[in-house]
Every structure is written in C-alpha cells, then in structure tokens.
Amino acid sequence: MGALDGIRVLELGQMWAVPGAGMYLGDQGAEIIKVEPPWGDEDAGNPRKAV
C-alpha cells in the first residue's frame, strides 16, 4: 500500500522530466494515465533521455 493509493493522475506532459515524475507518483501507489499525441511521445527513443 502506497501513500497515493486510490489517486488517479492524468499525465499530459511531453518534456523529459515528466515521465520521471509519473513514475515516482506510480511508485507511491497512484494510477498513472499517460496521454500522448497520435504520433507518439517525441522523447521516446531519445538517447539523451536518462532511464
């Protein structure tokens, strides 16, 4: 059980820090719903993006 159990987060961001924030909230128990444009996340596969 996390501190954010039962919380739903709508992730609309497209900058490199946003996925990290969503991951952190998910680790705390929130349900993350990521919304992307039809052509996909522009940072996906970007080599400068830290994993």
PDB file of N, CA and C in Angstrom:
ATOM      1  N   MET A   1       0.835  -1.193   0.000  1.00  0.00           N
ATOM      2  CA  MET A   1       0.000   0.000   0.000  1.00  0.00           C
ATOM      3  C   MET A   1       0.871   1.244   0.000  1.00  0.00           C
ATOM      4  N   GLY A   2       0.591   2.139  -0.926  1.00  0.00           N
ATOM      5  CA  GLY A   2       1.354   3.374  -1.026  1.00  0.00           C
ATOM      6  C   GLY A   2       0.565   4.562  -0.504  1.00  0.00           C
ATOM      7  N   ALA A   3       1.259   5.641  -0.354  1.00  0.00           N
ATOM      8  CA  ALA A   3       0.638   6.862   0.154  1.00  0.00           C
ATOM      9  C   ALA A   3      -0.404   7.428  -0.817  1.00  0.00           C
ATOM     10  N   LEU A   4      -0.291   7.083  -2.100  1.00  0.00           N
ATOM     11  CA  LEU A   4      -1.207   7.630  -3.106  1.00  0.00           C
ATOM     12  C   LEU A   4      -2.190   6.598  -3.649  1.00  0.00           C
ATOM     13  N   ASP A   5      -2.392   5.511  -2.926  1.00  0.00           N
ATOM     14  CA  ASP A   5      -3.364   4.502  -3.354  1.00  0.00           C
ATOM     15  C   ASP A   5      -4.731   5.150  -3.560  1.00  0.00           C
ATOM     16  N   GLY A   6      -5.367   4.818  -4.678  1.00  0.00           N
ATOM     17  CA  GLY A   6      -6.688   5.350  -4.972  1.00  0.00           C
ATOM     18  C   GLY A   6      -6.662   6.690  -5.700  1.00  0.00           C
ATOM     19  N   ILE A   7      -5.470   7.247  -5.938  1.00  0.00           N
ATOM     20  CA  ILE A   7      -5.339   8.512  -6.656  1.00  0.00           C
ATOM     21  C   ILE A   7      -5.056   8.208  -8.121  1.00  0.00           C
ATOM     22  N   ARG A   8      -5.738   8.909  -9.014  1.00  0.00           N
ATOM     23  CA  ARG A   8      -5.533   8.741 -10.449  1.00  0.00           C
ATOM     24  C   ARG A   8      -4.900  10.023 -10.984  1.00  0.00           C
ATOM     25  N   VAL A   9      -3.797   9.879 -11.726  1.00  0.00           N
ATOM     26  CA  VAL A   9      -3.060  11.017 -12.268  1.00  0.00           C
ATOM     27  C   VAL A   9      -3.121  10.968 -13.788  1.00  0.00           C
ATOM     28  N   LEU A  10      -3.497  12.083 -14.387  1.00  0.00           N
ATOM     29  CA  LEU A  10      -3.530  12.201 -15.837  1.00  0.00           C
ATOM     30  C   LEU A  10      -2.236  12.894 -16.267  1.00  0.00           C
ATOM     31  N   GLU A  11      -1.366  12.166 -16.946  1.00  0.00           N
ATOM     32  CA  GLU A  11      -0.067  12.688 -17.369  1.00  0.00           C
ATOM     33  C   GLU A  11      -0.173  13.194 -18.802  1.00  0.00           C
ATOM     34  N   LEU A  12      -0.032  14.515 -18.965  1.00  0.00           N
ATOM     35  CA  LEU A  12      -0.160  15.142 -20.276  1.00  0.00           C
ATOM     36  C   LEU A  12       1.144  15.732 -20.788  1.00  0.00           C
ATOM     37  N   GLY A  13       2.172  15.730 -19.977  1.00  0.00           N
ATOM     38  CA  GLY A  13       3.429  16.390 -20.320  1.00  0.00           C
ATOM     39  C   GLY A  13       4.217  15.664 -21.387  1.00  0.00           C
ATOM     40  N   GLN A  14       5.132  16.431 -22.025  1.00  0.00           N
ATOM     41  CA  GLN A  14       5.966  15.851 -23.070  1.00  0.00           C
ATOM     42  C   GLN A  14       7.431  16.172 -22.885  1.00  0.00           C
ATOM     43  N   MET A  15       7.803  16.780 -21.822  1.00  0.00           N
ATOM     44  CA  MET A  15       9.208  17.087 -21.590  1.00  0.00           C
ATOM     45  C   MET A  15       9.870  15.899 -20.907  1.00  0.00           C
ATOM     46  N   TRP A  16      11.191  15.894 -20.868  1.00  0.00           N
ATOM     47  CA  TRP A  16      11.929  14.725 -20.381  1.00  0.00           C
ATOM     48  C   TRP A  16      11.727  14.433 -18.903  1.00  0.00           C
ATOM     49  N   ALA A  17      11.364  15.429 -18.086  1.00  0.00           N
ATOM     50  CA  ALA A  17      11.203  15.190 -16.647  1.00  0.00           C
ATOM     51  C   ALA A  17       9.843  14.594 -16.296  1.00  0.00           C
ATOM     52  N   VAL A  18       8.872  14.754 -17.164  1.00  0.00           N
ATOM     53  CA  VAL A  18       7.502  14.326 -16.842  1.00  0.00           C
ATOM     54  C   VAL A  18       7.393  12.824 -16.605  1.00  0.00           C
ATOM     55  N   PRO A  19       7.981  11.961 -17.450  1.00  0.00           N
ATOM     56  CA  PRO A  19       7.874  10.525 -17.171  1.00  0.00           C
ATOM     57  C   PRO A  19       8.465  10.139 -15.821  1.00  0.00           C
ATOM     58  N   GLY A  20       9.525  10.819 -15.413  1.00  0.00           N
ATOM     59  CA  GLY A  20      10.122  10.542 -14.102  1.00  0.00           C
ATOM     60  C   GLY A  20       9.172  10.893 -12.977  1.00  0.00           C
ATOM     61  N   ALA A  21       8.472  12.006 -13.131  1.00  0.00           N
ATOM     62  CA  ALA A  21       7.501  12.407 -12.112  1.00  0.00           C
ATOM     63  C   ALA A  21       6.343  11.411 -12.052  1.00  0.00           C
ATOM     64  N   GLY A  22       5.866  10.990 -13.226  1.00  0.00           N
ATOM     65  CA  GLY A  22       4.794   9.997 -13.261  1.00  0.00           C
ATOM     66  C   GLY A  22       5.229   8.678 -12.657  1.00  0.00           C
ATOM     67  N   MET A  23       6.465   8.280 -12.917  1.00  0.00           N
ATOM     68  CA  MET A  23       6.988   7.037 -12.348  1.00  0.00           C
ATOM     69  C   MET A  23       7.050   7.137 -10.820  1.00  0.00           C
ATOM     70  N   TYR A  24       7.503   8.276 -10.314  1.00  0.00           N
ATOM     71  CA  TYR A  24       7.589   8.459  -8.869  1.00  0.00           C
ATOM     72  C   TYR A  24       6.204   8.383  -8.232  1.00  0.00           C
ATOM     73  N   LEU A  25       5.218   9.053  -8.837  1.00  0.00           N
ATOM     74  CA  LEU A  25       3.852   9.006  -8.297  1.00  0.00           C
ATOM     75  C   LEU A  25       3.298   7.586  -8.364  1.00  0.00           C
ATOM     76  N   GLY A  26       3.598   6.869  -9.459  1.00  0.00           N
ATOM     77  CA  GLY A  26       3.169   5.474  -9.576  1.00  0.00           C
ATOM     78  C   GLY A  26       3.818   4.586  -8.530  1.00  0.00           C
ATOM     79  N   ASP A  27       5.088   4.849  -8.236  1.00  0.00           N
ATOM     80  CA  ASP A  27       5.777   4.080  -7.192  1.00  0.00           C
ATOM     81  C   ASP A  27       5.125   4.286  -5.829  1.00  0.00           C
ATOM     82  N   GLN A  28       4.485   5.434  -5.657  1.00  0.00           N
ATOM     83  CA  GLN A  28       3.814   5.733  -4.390  1.00  0.00           C
ATOM     84  C   GLN A  28       2.376   5.203  -4.355  1.00  0.00           C
ATOM     85  N   GLY A  29       1.951   4.545  -5.440  1.00  0.00           N
ATOM     86  CA  GLY A  29       0.650   3.892  -5.459  1.00  0.00           C
ATOM     87  C   GLY A  29      -0.395   4.522  -6.351  1.00  0.00           C
ATOM     88  N   ALA A  30      -0.087   5.657  -6.987  1.00  0.00           N
ATOM     89  CA  ALA A  30      -1.070   6.310  -7.861  1.00  0.00           C
ATOM     90  C   ALA A  30      -1.220   5.537  -9.168  1.00  0.00           C
ATOM     91  N   GLU A  31      -2.397   5.636  -9.763  1.00  0.00           N
ATOM     92  CA  GLU A  31      -2.637   5.076 -11.095  1.00  0.00           C
ATOM     93  C   GLU A  31      -2.310   6.175 -12.100  1.00  0.00           C
ATOM     94  N   ILE A  32      -1.388   5.927 -13.026  1.00  0.00           N
ATOM     95  CA  ILE A  32      -0.946   6.923 -13.985  1.00  0.00           C
ATOM     96  C   ILE A  32      -1.591   6.633 -15.340  1.00  0.00           C
ATOM     97  N   ILE A  33      -2.243   7.640 -15.913  1.00  0.00           N
ATOM     98  CA  ILE A  33      -2.833   7.531 -17.240  1.00  0.00           C
ATOM     99  C   ILE A  33      -2.074   8.507 -18.130  1.00  0.00           C
ATOM    100  N   LYS A  34      -1.262   7.976 -19.029  1.00  0.00           N
ATOM    101  CA  LYS A  34      -0.442   8.814 -19.917  1.00  0.00           C
ATOM    102  C   LYS A  34      -1.195   9.053 -21.221  1.00  0.00           C
ATOM    103  N   VAL A  35      -1.313  10.322 -21.594  1.00  0.00           N
ATOM    104  CA  VAL A  35      -1.969  10.706 -22.840  1.00  0.00           C
ATOM    105  C   VAL A  35      -0.902  11.254 -23.780  1.00  0.00           C
ATOM    106  N   GLU A  36      -0.823  10.682 -24.982  1.00  0.00           N
ATOM    107  CA  GLU A  36       0.171  11.098 -25.969  1.00  0.00           C
ATOM    108  C   GLU A  36      -0.535  11.565 -27.238  1.00  0.00           C
ATOM    109  N   PRO A  37       0.147  12.379 -28.042  1.00  0.00           N
ATOM    110  CA  PRO A  37      -0.417  12.733 -29.345  1.00  0.00           C
ATOM    111  C   PRO A  37      -0.453  11.497 -30.245  1.00  0.00           C
ATOM    112  N   PRO A  38      -1.239  11.544 -31.321  1.00  0.00           N
ATOM    113  CA  PRO A  38      -1.358  10.376 -32.198  1.00  0.00           C
ATOM    114  C   PRO A  38      -0.025   9.872 -32.751  1.00  0.00           C
ATOM    115  N   TRP A  39       0.968  10.748 -32.914  1.00  0.00           N
ATOM    116  CA  TRP A  39       2.262  10.331 -33.462  1.00  0.00           C
ATOM    117  C   TRP A  39       3.198   9.795 -32.397  1.00  0.00           C
ATOM    118  N   GLY A  40       2.770   9.763 -31.138  1.00  0.00           N
ATOM    119  CA  GLY A  40       3.559   9.172 -30.061  1.00  0.00           C
ATOM    120  C   GLY A  40       4.370  10.189 -29.282  1.00  0.00           C
ATOM    121  N   ASP A  41       5.048   9.708 -28.284  1.00  0.00           N
ATOM    122  CA  ASP A  41       5.877  10.538 -27.424  1.00  0.00           C
ATOM    123  C   ASP A  41       7.127  10.954 -28.192  1.00  0.00           C
ATOM    124  N   GLU A  42       7.370  12.262 -28.285  1.00  0.00           N
ATOM    125  CA  GLU A  42       8.503  12.751 -29.069  1.00  0.00           C
ATOM    126  C   GLU A  42       9.849  12.383 -28.445  1.00  0.00           C
ATOM    127  N   ASP A  43       9.888  12.126 -27.143  1.00  0.00           N
ATOM    128  CA  ASP A  43      11.142  11.775 -26.489  1.00  0.00           C
ATOM    129  C   ASP A  43      11.408  10.273 -26.477  1.00  0.00           C
ATOM    130  N   ALA A  44      10.485   9.478 -26.941  1.00  0.00           N
ATOM    131  CA  ALA A  44      10.689   8.025 -26.943  1.00  0.00           C
ATOM    132  C   ALA A  44      11.858   7.672 -27.854  1.00  0.00           C
ATOM    133  N   GLY A  45      12.792   6.926 -27.321  1.00  0.00           N
ATOM    134  CA  GLY A  45      13.953   6.530 -28.095  1.00  0.00           C
ATOM    135  C   GLY A  45      15.023   7.596 -28.195  1.00  0.00           C
ATOM    136  N   ASN A  46      14.847   8.685 -27.468  1.00  0.00           N
ATOM    137  CA  ASN A  46      15.829   9.762 -27.492  1.00  0.00           C
ATOM    138  C   ASN A  46      17.036   9.342 -26.665  1.00  0.00           C
ATOM    139  N   PRO A  47      18.242   9.315 -27.233  1.00  0.00           N
ATOM    140  CA  PRO A  47      19.416   8.838 -26.486  1.00  0.00           C
ATOM    141  C   PRO A  47      19.816   9.730 -25.318  1.00  0.00           C
ATOM    142  N   ARG A  48      19.424  11.008 -25.301  1.00  0.00           N
ATOM    143  CA  ARG A  48      19.805  11.881 -24.195  1.00  0.00           C
ATOM    144  C   ARG A  48      18.876  11.735 -22.994  1.00  0.00           C
ATOM    145  N   LYS A  49      17.837  10.946 -23.148  1.00  0.00           N
ATOM    146  CA  LYS A  49      16.872  10.727 -22.062  1.00  0.00           C
ATOM    147  C   LYS A  49      17.421   9.679 -21.097  1.00  0.00           C
ATOM    148  N   ALA A  50      17.554  10.050 -19.841  1.00  0.00           N
ATOM    149  CA  ALA A  50      18.063   9.118 -18.822  1.00  0.00           C
ATOM    150  C   ALA A  50      16.998   8.103 -18.449  1.00  0.00           C
ATOM    151  N   VAL A  51      17.401   6.877 -18.243  1.00  0.00           N
ATOM    152  CA  VAL A  51      16.447   5.815 -17.857  1.00  0.00           C
ATOM    153  C   VAL A  51      16.674   5.467 -16.412  1.00  0.00           C
TER     154      VAL A  51
END
